[in-house]
Protein backbone atom coordinates (compact mmCIF):
# COMPACT_ATOMS: atom_id res chain seq x y z
CA MET A 1 -2.28 3.42 -1.19
CA VAL A 2 -1.52 5.94 1.34
CA GLY A 3 -0.56 8.97 -0.22
CA VAL A 4 -2.84 8.82 -3.20
CA SER A 5 -6.38 7.86 -1.64
CA THR A 6 -8.47 10.05 -0.64
CA PRO A 7 -12.00 10.00 0.70
CA ARG A 8 -13.16 11.32 -2.31
CA LEU A 9 -11.67 8.54 -4.24
CA ALA A 10 -13.00 6.58 -1.57
CA ALA A 11 -16.60 7.62 -1.75
CA ALA A 12 -16.76 7.96 -5.62
CA VAL A 13 -15.73 3.96 -5.56
CA SER A 14 -18.80 2.95 -2.99
CA GLU A 15 -21.47 5.45 -4.33
CA ALA A 16 -20.48 2.99 -7.84
CA GLY A 17 -20.74 0.21 -5.92
CA GLY A 18 -17.46 -1.04 -5.11
CA LEU A 19 -15.92 -0.86 -1.96
CA GLY A 20 -13.65 2.03 -1.62
CA SER A 21 -10.70 2.42 0.95
CA ILE A 22 -8.54 4.91 2.91
CA GLY A 23 -4.92 4.21 3.88
CA VAL A 24 -5.03 5.72 7.34
CA GLY A 25 -1.18 3.84 7.84
CA ALA A 26 0.97 7.08 7.62
CA SER A 27 -1.33 9.35 9.26
CA THR A 28 -2.19 10.47 13.47
CA ILE A 29 -5.13 9.31 14.73
CA GLU A 30 -6.69 12.77 14.69
CA GLN A 31 -5.79 12.85 10.84
CA ALA A 32 -7.16 9.68 10.70
CA ARG A 33 -10.30 9.98 12.05
CA ALA A 34 -11.04 13.13 9.66
CA MET A 35 -10.56 11.14 6.71
CA ILE A 36 -12.97 8.52 8.02
CA ARG A 37 -15.42 11.15 8.76
CA GLU A 38 -15.07 12.84 5.49
CA THR A 39 -15.28 9.79 3.57
CA ARG A 40 -18.70 9.36 5.78
CA GLY A 41 -19.95 13.11 4.69
CA LEU A 42 -19.44 11.64 0.82
CA THR A 43 -21.36 8.26 1.00
CA ASP A 44 -23.22 6.44 3.39
CA LYS A 45 -22.05 3.17 1.43
CA PRO A 46 -19.50 0.77 3.06
CA PHE A 47 -15.89 1.51 2.87
CA ASN A 48 -12.50 0.45 4.02
CA VAL A 49 -9.47 1.46 6.36
CA ASN A 50 -6.57 0.21 5.83
CA LEU A 51 -3.83 0.02 8.90
CA PHE A 52 -0.35 -0.96 8.63
CA CYS A 53 0.54 -3.91 10.88
CA HIS A 54 4.74 -3.78 10.23
CA ARG A 55 7.11 -4.95 13.03
CA PRO A 56 7.89 -1.76 14.91
CA ALA A 57 11.50 0.13 14.10
CA ARG A 58 14.10 -0.57 16.24
CA ALA A 59 16.04 2.83 15.99
CA GLU A 60 19.64 2.24 15.78
CA GLY A 61 21.74 5.84 15.73
CA ASP A 62 24.81 4.22 14.30
CA ARG A 63 23.30 2.95 11.22
CA GLU A 64 21.02 5.74 10.71
CA ALA A 65 24.01 8.05 10.43
CA ALA A 66 26.18 5.42 7.97
CA TRP A 67 22.83 5.91 5.55
CA LEU A 68 22.20 9.79 5.62
CA THR A 69 26.41 9.90 5.37
CA TYR A 70 26.16 7.64 2.11
CA LEU A 71 23.20 9.60 0.71
CA LYS A 72 25.14 13.33 1.27
CA PRO A 73 26.29 13.45 -2.44
CA TRP A 74 22.57 13.17 -4.04
CA PHE A 75 21.15 15.77 -1.30
CA ALA A 76 24.22 17.78 -1.87
CA GLU A 77 23.45 17.64 -5.93
CA PHE A 78 20.49 19.94 -4.58
CA GLY A 79 22.33 22.06 -2.37
CA ALA A 80 21.15 20.43 0.31
CA ALA A 81 22.43 18.50 3.22
CA PRO A 82 20.46 15.20 4.61
CA PRO A 83 18.30 15.87 8.26
CA ASP A 84 20.62 15.53 11.14
CA ASP A 85 18.94 12.17 12.23
CA LEU A 86 16.00 10.09 11.50
CA ARG A 87 12.26 9.84 13.10
CA GLU A 88 10.03 6.81 13.04
CA ILE A 89 7.61 8.63 10.95
CA TYR A 90 4.31 6.48 11.89
CA ARG A 91 3.52 3.90 14.48
CA SER A 92 2.52 0.48 13.48
CA PHE A 93 -0.76 -0.45 14.19
CA VAL A 94 0.39 -3.55 16.52
CA GLU A 95 1.31 -0.98 19.68
CA ASP A 96 -1.32 1.83 18.74
CA GLU A 97 -4.33 1.11 21.16
CA ALA A 98 -5.21 4.83 20.57
CA MET A 99 -5.65 4.23 17.13
CA LEU A 100 -7.60 1.29 18.02
CA ALA A 101 -9.45 3.26 20.54
CA MET A 102 -10.47 5.64 17.45
CA LEU A 103 -11.72 2.90 14.96
CA LEU A 104 -13.81 1.49 17.82
CA GLU A 105 -15.87 4.88 18.15
CA GLU A 106 -15.71 5.34 14.37
CA ARG A 107 -17.04 1.75 13.45
CA PRO A 108 -16.32 1.81 9.95
CA ALA A 109 -17.81 -0.92 8.09
CA VAL A 110 -14.35 -2.45 6.89
CA VAL A 111 -10.92 -2.74 8.60
CA SER A 112 -7.82 -4.31 6.58
CA PHE A 113 -4.54 -5.38 7.67
CA HIS A 114 -1.01 -5.00 6.19
CA PHE A 115 2.21 -6.16 6.72
CA GLY A 116 0.69 -8.74 9.13
CA LEU A 117 -1.78 -8.75 11.57
CA PRO A 118 -2.41 -6.83 15.23
CA PRO A 119 -2.61 -8.62 18.61
CA THR A 120 -5.83 -10.96 19.13
CA ALA A 121 -7.48 -8.42 21.28
CA PHE A 122 -7.41 -5.98 18.95
CA ILE A 123 -8.92 -8.59 16.14
CA GLU A 124 -11.40 -9.26 18.71
CA ALA A 125 -12.52 -5.70 19.86
CA LEU A 126 -12.96 -4.90 16.24
CA LYS A 127 -15.12 -7.84 15.62
CA SER A 128 -17.21 -7.31 18.83
CA ALA A 129 -17.80 -3.79 17.55
CA GLY A 130 -19.58 -5.35 13.66
CA ILE A 131 -16.48 -4.48 11.94
CA ARG A 132 -15.42 -6.65 8.92
CA LEU A 133 -11.85 -7.87 8.65
CA LEU A 134 -9.45 -8.33 5.79
CA ALA A 135 -5.76 -9.33 5.73
CA CYS A 136 -3.45 -9.20 3.48
CA ALA A 137 -1.43 -12.95 2.37
CA THR A 138 1.64 -13.54 0.20
CA THR A 139 1.72 -17.04 0.88
CA LEU A 140 -0.42 -19.59 2.06
CA GLN A 141 1.84 -19.88 5.47
CA GLU A 142 0.26 -16.19 5.75
CA ALA A 143 -3.10 -16.76 4.79
CA GLU A 144 -3.07 -19.75 6.91
CA GLN A 145 -1.99 -17.05 9.88
CA ILE A 146 -4.88 -15.13 8.92
CA GLU A 147 -7.68 -17.97 8.83
CA ARG A 148 -6.44 -18.74 12.51
CA ALA A 149 -6.80 -15.00 13.74
CA ASP A 150 -10.44 -15.27 12.65
CA ILE A 151 -10.11 -12.59 9.83
CA ASP A 152 -13.18 -12.41 7.45
CA GLY A 153 -11.34 -12.57 4.29
CA ILE A 154 -7.90 -12.50 2.67
CA VAL A 155 -6.48 -10.31 0.12
CA ALA A 156 -4.12 -12.32 -1.93
CA GLN A 157 -1.53 -9.91 -3.08
CA GLY A 158 0.76 -11.21 -5.65
CA ILE A 159 4.20 -10.06 -6.85
CA GLU A 160 2.95 -8.07 -9.77
CA ALA A 161 1.14 -5.66 -6.85
CA GLY A 162 2.24 -2.04 -6.46
CA GLY A 163 3.32 -0.70 -3.52
CA HIS A 164 4.74 -2.19 -0.66
CA ARG A 165 4.57 -6.19 -0.52
CA GLY A 166 2.55 -7.45 2.53
CA VAL A 167 4.78 -9.70 3.43
CA PHE A 168 4.70 -10.66 7.21
CA ASP A 169 8.61 -11.14 7.72
CA ASP A 170 10.47 -8.74 5.28
CA THR A 171 13.83 -10.41 7.08
CA SER A 172 13.16 -13.45 5.14
CA LEU A 173 13.38 -14.39 1.36
CA ASP A 174 10.22 -13.27 -0.48
CA ALA A 175 8.24 -16.42 -2.27
CA GLY A 176 7.37 -14.09 -5.36
CA ILE A 177 4.26 -15.82 -6.15
CA GLY A 178 1.89 -14.21 -8.67
CA THR A 179 -1.36 -13.35 -8.46
CA PHE A 180 -3.05 -16.02 -10.26
CA ALA A 181 -1.12 -18.87 -8.61
CA LEU A 182 -1.39 -17.47 -5.54
CA VAL A 183 -5.21 -16.86 -5.82
CA ARG A 184 -5.85 -20.63 -6.84
CA LEU A 185 -3.33 -22.12 -4.27
CA LEU A 186 -5.09 -20.31 -1.26
CA ALA A 187 -8.50 -21.43 -3.16
CA THR A 188 -7.90 -25.18 -2.56
CA ARG A 189 -6.43 -24.68 0.83
CA THR A 190 -8.17 -21.98 2.67
CA ARG A 191 -11.56 -21.41 3.71
CA LEU A 192 -12.06 -17.85 3.56
CA PRO A 193 -13.11 -15.54 0.68
CA ILE A 194 -10.41 -14.44 -1.41
CA LEU A 195 -9.50 -10.91 -2.92
CA ALA A 196 -7.26 -10.79 -5.60
CA ALA A 197 -4.85 -8.03 -5.55
CA GLY A 198 -1.59 -7.38 -8.15
CA GLY A 199 -1.67 -6.57 -11.75
CA ILE A 200 -5.84 -6.58 -12.35
CA MET A 201 -6.49 -3.53 -14.44
CA ASP A 202 -9.52 -4.21 -16.33
CA GLY A 203 -13.05 -6.50 -16.27
CA GLN A 204 -10.97 -9.19 -18.17
CA GLY A 205 -8.55 -9.65 -15.21
CA ILE A 206 -11.39 -9.74 -12.70
CA LYS A 207 -13.44 -12.31 -14.64
CA ALA A 208 -9.89 -14.36 -14.81
CA ALA A 209 -9.24 -14.39 -11.32
CA LEU A 210 -13.01 -15.07 -10.38
CA ALA A 211 -12.57 -18.07 -12.32
CA LEU A 212 -9.68 -19.14 -10.51
CA GLY A 213 -11.64 -18.88 -6.99
CA ALA A 214 -11.56 -15.56 -6.09
CA SER A 215 -14.76 -13.81 -4.18
CA GLY A 216 -13.63 -10.44 -5.84
CA VAL A 217 -10.43 -8.47 -6.82
CA GLN A 218 -8.39 -5.48 -5.17
CA LEU A 219 -7.67 -2.71 -7.64
CA GLY A 220 -5.15 -0.08 -6.82
CA THR A 221 -3.15 0.84 -10.04
CA ALA A 222 -5.82 0.98 -11.88
CA PHE A 223 -7.48 4.35 -9.62
CA ILE A 224 -4.37 6.31 -9.48
CA LEU A 225 -5.18 8.15 -12.74
CA CYS A 226 -8.92 8.96 -11.34
CA PRO A 227 -9.53 12.62 -10.75
CA GLU A 228 -10.14 12.12 -7.34
CA SER A 229 -6.78 10.66 -6.42
CA ALA A 230 -4.67 12.75 -4.74
CA ALA A 231 -1.51 11.82 -7.27
CA ASN A 232 0.35 14.87 -8.24
CA ALA A 233 0.88 16.01 -11.88
CA ALA A 234 4.64 14.16 -12.00
CA TYR A 235 3.15 10.98 -10.64
CA ARG A 236 0.31 11.26 -13.30
CA ASP A 237 3.06 11.92 -16.34
CA ALA A 238 5.36 9.09 -15.18
CA LEU A 239 2.50 6.52 -15.14
CA LYS A 240 1.63 7.64 -18.79
CA SER A 241 5.37 7.22 -19.80
CA GLU A 242 7.22 4.32 -21.09
CA ARG A 243 8.37 3.67 -17.39
CA ALA A 244 5.39 2.24 -16.59
CA ALA A 245 5.85 -0.71 -18.75
CA HIS A 246 8.95 -1.40 -16.51
CA THR A 247 8.09 -1.48 -12.54
CA GLN A 248 10.50 -2.40 -10.26
CA ILE A 249 10.81 -3.41 -6.53
CA THR A 250 13.39 -1.97 -4.39
CA SER A 251 13.70 -1.68 -0.43
CA ASN A 252 15.84 1.71 -0.91
CA ILE A 253 12.81 4.43 -0.61
CA SER A 254 10.96 2.62 2.30
CA GLY A 255 13.23 -0.02 4.02
CA ARG A 256 10.74 -2.24 2.79
CA PRO A 257 10.40 -4.07 -0.46
CA ALA A 258 7.39 -1.96 -2.95
CA ARG A 259 6.77 -1.98 -6.49
CA GLY A 260 6.75 1.18 -8.13
CA LEU A 261 8.03 3.07 -11.28
CA PRO A 262 11.95 3.07 -11.60
CA ASN A 263 13.33 6.21 -11.06
CA ARG A 264 17.27 7.27 -9.23
CA MET A 265 16.28 5.78 -6.02
CA TYR A 266 16.12 2.25 -8.01
CA GLN A 267 18.72 2.63 -10.14
CA GLU A 268 21.60 4.68 -7.97
CA ILE A 269 20.79 4.29 -4.86
CA GLY A 270 21.90 0.91 -2.95
CA GLY A 271 24.02 -1.73 -4.18
CA PRO A 272 27.56 -3.07 -3.40
CA GLY A 273 29.12 -1.18 -0.97
CA ALA A 274 26.29 1.01 0.51
CA PRO A 275 25.64 0.73 4.26
CA THR A 276 22.64 -1.29 5.51
CA LEU A 277 19.03 0.13 5.20
CA PRO A 278 17.51 1.57 8.41
CA ASP A 279 14.13 -0.17 9.60
CA TYR A 280 10.97 0.85 7.90
CA PRO A 281 9.57 3.24 8.20
CA ILE A 282 12.78 5.13 9.43
CA ALA A 283 14.71 4.73 6.02
CA TYR A 284 11.63 6.28 4.50
CA ASP A 285 12.28 9.44 6.68
CA ALA A 286 15.64 9.67 4.76
CA ALA A 287 14.30 9.15 1.02
CA LYS A 288 10.94 11.93 1.64
CA ALA A 289 14.07 14.37 2.72
CA LEU A 290 15.79 13.60 -0.58
CA HIS A 291 12.87 13.80 -2.50
CA ALA A 292 11.73 17.05 -1.04
CA ALA A 293 14.97 18.49 -1.64
CA ALA A 294 15.05 17.32 -5.34
CA SER A 295 11.91 18.19 -6.21
CA THR A 296 12.85 21.85 -4.84
CA GLY A 297 15.31 21.71 -7.51
CA GLY A 298 13.01 20.68 -9.93
CA SER A 299 13.48 16.93 -9.96
CA HIS A 300 10.92 14.47 -9.49
CA GLN A 301 13.66 11.59 -10.02
CA PHE A 302 13.22 10.50 -6.24
CA ALA A 303 9.86 10.12 -5.75
CA ALA A 304 7.81 7.36 -4.30
CA GLN A 305 5.42 6.55 -7.59
CA TRP A 306 4.05 3.12 -6.65
CA ALA A 307 2.20 0.93 -9.10
CA GLY A 308 1.79 -2.45 -10.62
CA GLN A 309 2.89 -5.09 -13.46
CA GLY A 310 -0.62 -3.69 -14.90
CA ALA A 311 0.66 -0.27 -15.08
CA PRO A 312 0.31 0.58 -18.89
CA LEU A 313 -3.10 -0.43 -18.68
CA ALA A 314 -4.19 2.52 -16.45
CA ARG A 315 -7.30 4.66 -17.72
CA GLU A 316 -7.79 8.17 -17.15
CA LEU A 317 -11.48 7.92 -16.25
CA PRO A 318 -13.49 9.33 -13.34
CA ALA A 319 -13.77 6.44 -10.65
CA ALA A 320 -17.75 5.94 -11.52
CA GLU A 321 -16.77 5.31 -15.04
CA LEU A 322 -14.00 3.23 -14.25
CA LEU A 323 -16.07 1.05 -12.02
CA ARG A 324 -18.93 1.22 -14.96
CA ARG A 325 -16.20 0.15 -17.79
CA LEU A 326 -14.77 -2.76 -15.48
CA ARG A 327 -18.39 -3.90 -15.21
CA GLU A 328 -18.85 -3.90 -19.10
CA GLU A 329 -15.43 -5.72 -20.11
CA MET A 330 -16.38 -8.36 -17.49
CA ALA A 331 -19.78 -9.12 -19.03
């Protein structure tokens, strides 16, 4: 939940008996350290720190220039021009030894991985520091890799989930397995505890996931409307609108497939005749620039507003109250 999760939200969830999470995949080392320390200042309970383990981007000037040229008409609509070049706006954890060193110093209770796994040496160092590890899987094959890597638990991410698909290899066909089918599959084929993720918004959904073999659940979209989240007014309004019932997956925004509330980035960008997208997260740099130009012009139709298929069930409640409701519904 990079861009939405905050220390305040994570702390509120942990204080209420859940495991709060902060997403630091797009943060510098010092930003990530500050978020960990701020969260720790708000709660003495455990919380999770989530990291991105994607394949490091390959910069290709011609491909990036072609993509910026393609986007020119949309920038021009708002009296702007595309940037002169694109950057890899954040590093993958798989090659970030300085981020590892910071985590070993700060020692959060839990660290989780998205898009894949870090090197074995990183995993061993984190475990030696007493940190529990989780990793996201979208298939049985990914779950088996997680199990072999000696990770403590698997986040089973179904196709319903909001935000980026956690697929290890984004160049291959996504199996698109639903949350409940994936949970049941992993429950019968792996030994690790499973956390179900994707489309779960209430206590009834949690209860169903547990009945299928999950040890717990991971909810994201359910917490976007909480006052403690960093979602802006446009994002909140969109989540409460009819668009919430029509979430879609696109790679146009970041360069990797992600589910969110459909807007012009989904409907107009890409398609037949479009050039090849730059690598993730280089493509994200272009999308962020276009969103900045559009929002200056009063439009939020190019924003990344991630949300899962359960989005219409989102509730505007403080995080602690939402956890209390979830427990009541489970009962």
